[in-house]
């Protein structure tokens, strides 16, 4: 999506790990290695996207640049914008100010602090579109869904997925924080088996030149096919930036 002498930005597909992890030992393809082979030089990840999440991912081209860029993410100098499909009619707009405890996983988070207090976590959201689908998926005769723009102001692990569950509008396709009956409906009836969460926007100042970078990406083929089916494509053209 973008490349210069200091950094490169890709649009990671859903289902691809950023780098090797003990949690998916059988995986043989990783974004870091694929990109390294594609451009013929070492790359250094500066932030993360979960395996099932697609979208914009930044790599530095030197350890020094990785440190600088990581600092920009840690200091909240990078504006991140996501698209998600959630269960129910989400409120038109709002903020989720709900602290999150660090979840320990003995395989993937060996360094996690189990007794650490909950950390402040803030997400702004905006509903872009909604639909009532004429099929009984759960206990209601029709199923309701919303397309939302999510703007995380902090960067906690699984923040968006946990925050949307917290307000009763879990993201479709989320096996850990969503609802299985809706996930199966999307996979079996609508042909969409992925987590419907994509990082579609990043805004930050270039660490060397200081020039503003405004990067945008499509949410992915399967995601876009669903947007077309629901008649939501037009809503994307009218959305405001998180910046």
Protein backbone atom coordinates (compact mmCIF):
# COMPACT_ATOMS: atom_id res chain seq x y z
CA UNK A 1 0.00 0.00 0.00
CA UNK A 2 2.98 2.31 0.64
CA UNK A 3 6.77 2.06 0.57
CA UNK A 4 9.76 4.36 0.91
CA UNK A 5 13.31 4.06 2.28
CA UNK A 6 12.11 3.89 5.90
CA UNK A 7 8.88 1.92 6.05
CA UNK A 8 6.43 -0.21 4.12
CA UNK A 9 2.70 -0.69 4.68
CA UNK A 10 0.72 -3.74 3.56
CA UNK A 11 -2.95 -4.72 3.56
CA UNK A 12 -2.83 -7.97 5.53
CA UNK A 13 -5.51 -10.51 4.58
CA UNK A 14 -7.65 -12.15 7.25
CA UNK A 15 -6.26 -15.47 8.46
CA UNK A 16 -2.59 -14.53 8.11
CA UNK A 17 -0.33 -14.29 11.17
CA UNK A 18 2.02 -11.32 11.40
CA UNK A 19 4.91 -13.54 12.54
CA UNK A 20 5.58 -17.01 13.91
CA UNK A 21 3.65 -17.82 17.08
CA UNK A 22 3.40 -20.79 19.44
CA UNK A 23 -0.38 -20.50 19.33
CA UNK A 24 -0.43 -21.61 15.66
CA UNK A 25 2.57 -23.91 15.36
CA UNK A 26 1.20 -25.56 12.21
CA UNK A 27 1.25 -22.29 10.24
CA UNK A 28 3.98 -21.91 7.64
CA UNK A 29 3.06 -18.54 6.08
CA UNK A 30 3.56 -15.23 7.89
CA UNK A 31 3.19 -11.63 6.78
CA UNK A 32 6.72 -10.77 7.93
CA UNK A 33 8.36 -13.51 5.87
CA UNK A 34 6.15 -13.00 2.81
CA UNK A 35 6.92 -9.28 2.77
CA UNK A 36 10.63 -9.88 3.34
CA UNK A 37 10.74 -12.24 0.36
CA UNK A 38 8.65 -9.88 -1.76
CA UNK A 39 10.87 -6.82 -1.34
CA UNK A 40 14.17 -8.64 -0.75
CA UNK A 41 15.16 -7.10 2.58
CA UNK A 42 14.55 -7.49 6.30
CA UNK A 43 11.42 -5.89 7.75
CA UNK A 44 10.49 -5.15 11.35
CA UNK A 45 6.87 -5.10 12.62
CA UNK A 46 5.97 -2.06 14.72
CA UNK A 47 2.42 -2.98 15.77
CA UNK A 48 0.09 -5.96 15.46
CA UNK A 49 -3.15 -7.17 13.95
CA UNK A 50 -4.78 -10.36 15.17
CA UNK A 51 -4.69 -13.31 12.78
CA UNK A 52 -8.42 -13.06 11.84
CA UNK A 53 -8.32 -9.26 11.42
CA UNK A 54 -7.41 -7.83 8.03
CA UNK A 55 -6.04 -4.43 7.19
CA UNK A 56 -3.19 -1.95 7.24
CA UNK A 57 0.00 -3.14 8.88
CA UNK A 58 3.20 -1.09 9.17
CA UNK A 59 6.73 -2.49 8.98
CA UNK A 60 9.97 -0.58 9.46
CA UNK A 61 13.00 -1.20 7.27
CA UNK A 62 15.57 -0.85 10.08
CA UNK A 63 15.68 -1.50 13.83
CA UNK A 64 16.10 2.22 14.49
CA UNK A 65 13.00 3.10 12.46
CA UNK A 66 11.08 0.28 14.18
CA UNK A 67 11.82 1.87 17.56
CA UNK A 68 10.66 5.30 16.38
CA UNK A 69 7.48 4.02 14.75
CA UNK A 70 6.64 1.79 17.73
CA UNK A 71 6.96 4.88 19.90
CA UNK A 72 4.43 6.72 17.75
CA UNK A 73 1.93 3.90 18.24
CA UNK A 74 2.61 3.71 21.98
CA UNK A 75 2.25 7.49 22.38
CA UNK A 76 -1.11 7.37 20.53
CA UNK A 77 0.20 9.53 17.70
CA UNK A 78 -1.28 7.15 15.12
CA UNK A 79 -4.99 7.45 14.31
CA UNK A 80 -6.47 4.01 13.56
CA UNK A 81 -9.75 3.41 11.77
CA UNK A 82 -11.59 0.09 11.55
CA UNK A 83 -14.73 -1.25 9.91
CA UNK A 84 -16.81 -3.95 11.60
CA UNK A 85 -20.15 -5.69 11.21
CA UNK A 86 -21.87 -6.23 14.54
CA UNK A 87 -25.00 -7.92 15.84
CA UNK A 88 -28.05 -5.73 16.42
CA UNK A 89 -28.76 -2.05 15.80
CA UNK A 90 -25.79 -0.27 17.31
CA UNK A 91 -26.35 3.26 18.68
CA UNK A 92 -25.69 6.01 16.14
CA UNK A 93 -22.52 7.17 17.88
CA UNK A 94 -20.78 6.91 21.21
CA UNK A 95 -17.70 6.14 23.28
CA UNK A 96 -16.87 2.98 25.16
CA UNK A 97 -14.77 3.90 28.17
CA UNK A 98 -14.25 0.51 29.77
CA UNK A 99 -10.98 -0.59 31.36
CA UNK A 100 -9.65 -3.98 30.29
CA UNK A 101 -7.62 -6.47 32.27
CA UNK A 102 -4.68 -8.12 30.58
CA UNK A 103 -5.71 -11.64 29.64
CA UNK A 104 -3.02 -14.23 30.20
CA UNK A 105 -2.44 -17.02 27.70
CA UNK A 106 0.24 -19.46 28.81
CA UNK A 107 1.17 -20.19 25.18
CA UNK A 108 1.12 -16.83 23.41
CA UNK A 109 1.53 -14.38 26.30
CA UNK A 110 4.30 -15.80 28.45
CA UNK A 111 5.26 -12.30 29.58
CA UNK A 112 1.74 -11.13 30.48
CA UNK A 113 1.33 -9.78 33.99
CA UNK A 114 -1.48 -11.84 35.49
CA UNK A 115 -2.19 -9.60 38.49
CA UNK A 116 -1.90 -6.32 36.63
CA UNK A 117 -4.80 -3.90 37.28
CA UNK A 118 -7.26 -3.17 34.48
CA UNK A 119 -5.91 -0.60 32.03
CA UNK A 120 -7.86 2.34 30.68
CA UNK A 121 -9.36 1.58 27.26
CA UNK A 122 -11.33 3.98 25.08
CA UNK A 123 -13.07 3.37 21.75
CA UNK A 124 -15.19 5.78 19.73
CA UNK A 125 -17.75 4.23 17.39
CA UNK A 126 -20.13 5.44 14.72
CA UNK A 127 -22.91 3.48 13.02
CA UNK A 128 -22.70 3.78 9.24
CA UNK A 129 -25.58 1.51 8.19
CA UNK A 130 -28.01 -1.08 9.50
CA UNK A 131 -30.21 -3.85 8.12
CA UNK A 132 -33.01 -6.15 9.19
CA UNK A 133 -32.51 -9.48 7.47
CA UNK A 134 -35.74 -11.49 6.92
CA UNK A 135 -34.60 -14.72 8.58
CA UNK A 136 -34.86 -16.01 12.12
CA UNK A 137 -31.29 -16.47 13.30
CA UNK A 138 -31.69 -16.37 17.06
CA UNK A 139 -34.93 -16.01 19.05
CA UNK A 140 -36.34 -13.20 16.88
CA UNK A 141 -38.17 -13.58 13.54
CA UNK A 142 -35.73 -11.19 11.84
CA UNK A 143 -32.01 -10.62 12.33
CA UNK A 144 -30.54 -7.14 12.77
CA UNK A 145 -26.99 -6.08 11.99
CA UNK A 146 -25.00 -2.84 11.82
CA UNK A 147 -21.94 -1.61 9.96
CA UNK A 148 -19.81 0.46 12.34
CA UNK A 149 -16.68 2.54 12.17
CA UNK A 150 -14.44 1.94 15.18
CA UNK A 151 -11.76 4.38 16.31
CA UNK A 152 -9.64 2.99 19.18
CA UNK A 153 -8.00 5.72 21.24
CA UNK A 154 -5.95 3.15 23.16
CA UNK A 155 -4.36 -0.10 22.03
CA UNK A 156 -5.28 -2.88 24.43
CA UNK A 157 -5.27 -6.52 23.38
CA UNK A 158 -8.52 -7.45 21.58
CA UNK A 159 -9.87 -4.04 22.60
CA UNK A 160 -12.40 -3.62 19.80
CA UNK A 161 -13.73 -7.15 20.08
CA UNK A 162 -14.05 -6.93 23.86
CA UNK A 163 -15.54 -3.44 23.82
CA UNK A 164 -18.23 -4.30 21.27
CA UNK A 165 -19.18 -7.35 23.31
CA UNK A 166 -19.32 -5.12 26.40
CA UNK A 167 -22.06 -2.93 24.87
CA UNK A 168 -24.00 -5.92 23.55
CA UNK A 169 -23.03 -5.65 19.88
CA UNK A 170 -20.37 -8.32 19.32
CA UNK A 171 -18.49 -8.42 16.03
CA UNK A 172 -19.68 -11.07 13.59
CA UNK A 173 -17.21 -13.92 13.13
CA UNK A 174 -15.62 -13.47 16.56
CA UNK A 175 -15.26 -16.98 17.96
CA UNK A 176 -14.17 -15.81 21.42
CA UNK A 177 -16.36 -12.78 22.09
CA UNK A 178 -19.22 -13.19 19.62
CA UNK A 179 -22.25 -15.45 19.37
CA UNK A 180 -21.95 -18.74 17.56
CA UNK A 181 -25.45 -18.81 16.06
CA UNK A 182 -24.82 -15.55 14.17
CA UNK A 183 -21.32 -16.56 13.15
CA UNK A 184 -22.65 -19.81 11.68
CA UNK A 185 -25.46 -17.99 9.88
CA UNK A 186 -22.99 -15.69 8.13
CA UNK A 187 -20.73 -18.61 7.21
CA UNK A 188 -23.42 -21.02 6.04
CA UNK A 189 -26.09 -18.75 4.58
CA UNK A 190 -24.21 -15.61 3.54
CA UNK A 191 -20.91 -17.17 2.50
CA UNK A 192 -18.85 -15.09 4.93
CA UNK A 193 -16.75 -17.13 7.33
CA UNK A 194 -14.21 -14.53 8.49
CA UNK A 195 -14.07 -12.11 11.40
CA UNK A 196 -15.76 -8.95 10.07
CA UNK A 197 -13.17 -6.54 11.42
CA UNK A 198 -10.69 -4.67 9.22
CA UNK A 199 -8.21 -1.86 9.81
CA UNK A 200 -9.02 0.39 6.86
CA UNK A 201 -7.26 3.62 7.86
CA UNK A 202 -4.02 4.83 9.44
CA UNK A 203 -3.01 8.48 9.85
CA UNK A 204 0.39 9.51 11.22
CA UNK A 205 3.33 11.78 10.53
CA UNK A 206 6.28 10.28 8.70
CA UNK A 207 9.01 9.72 11.30
CA UNK A 208 11.73 11.27 9.09
CA UNK A 209 10.12 13.92 6.89
CA UNK A 210 7.27 14.81 9.22
CA UNK A 211 4.89 14.74 6.25
CA UNK A 212 1.37 13.52 7.09
CA UNK A 213 0.60 10.02 5.82
CA UNK A 214 -3.05 9.15 5.23
CA UNK A 215 -3.34 5.49 4.29
CA UNK A 216 -6.57 3.75 3.31
CA UNK A 217 -7.34 0.14 2.37
CA UNK A 218 -10.32 -1.93 1.27
CA UNK A 219 -11.64 -4.39 3.87
CA UNK A 220 -11.09 -7.49 1.72
CA UNK A 221 -13.02 -9.44 -0.93
CA UNK A 222 -15.29 -11.49 1.35
CA UNK A 223 -16.04 -8.42 3.50
CA UNK A 224 -16.83 -6.30 0.42
CA UNK A 225 -19.10 -8.99 -1.03
CA UNK A 226 -21.14 -8.89 2.18
CA UNK A 227 -21.31 -5.08 2.05
CA UNK A 228 -22.65 -5.37 -1.49
CA UNK A 229 -25.22 -7.98 -0.45
CA UNK A 230 -26.44 -5.74 2.38
CA UNK A 231 -26.44 -2.59 0.21
CA UNK A 232 -23.88 -0.87 2.43
CA UNK A 233 -21.22 0.19 -0.08
CA UNK A 234 -22.63 3.70 -0.41
CA UNK A 235 -22.30 4.21 3.35
CA UNK A 236 -18.52 3.89 3.06
CA UNK A 237 -18.28 6.88 0.72
CA UNK A 238 -19.93 9.18 3.26
CA UNK A 239 -18.05 8.17 6.42
CA UNK A 240 -15.92 10.72 8.23
CA UNK A 241 -12.32 10.06 9.22
CA UNK A 242 -11.41 9.15 12.79
CA UNK A 243 -8.74 11.86 12.73
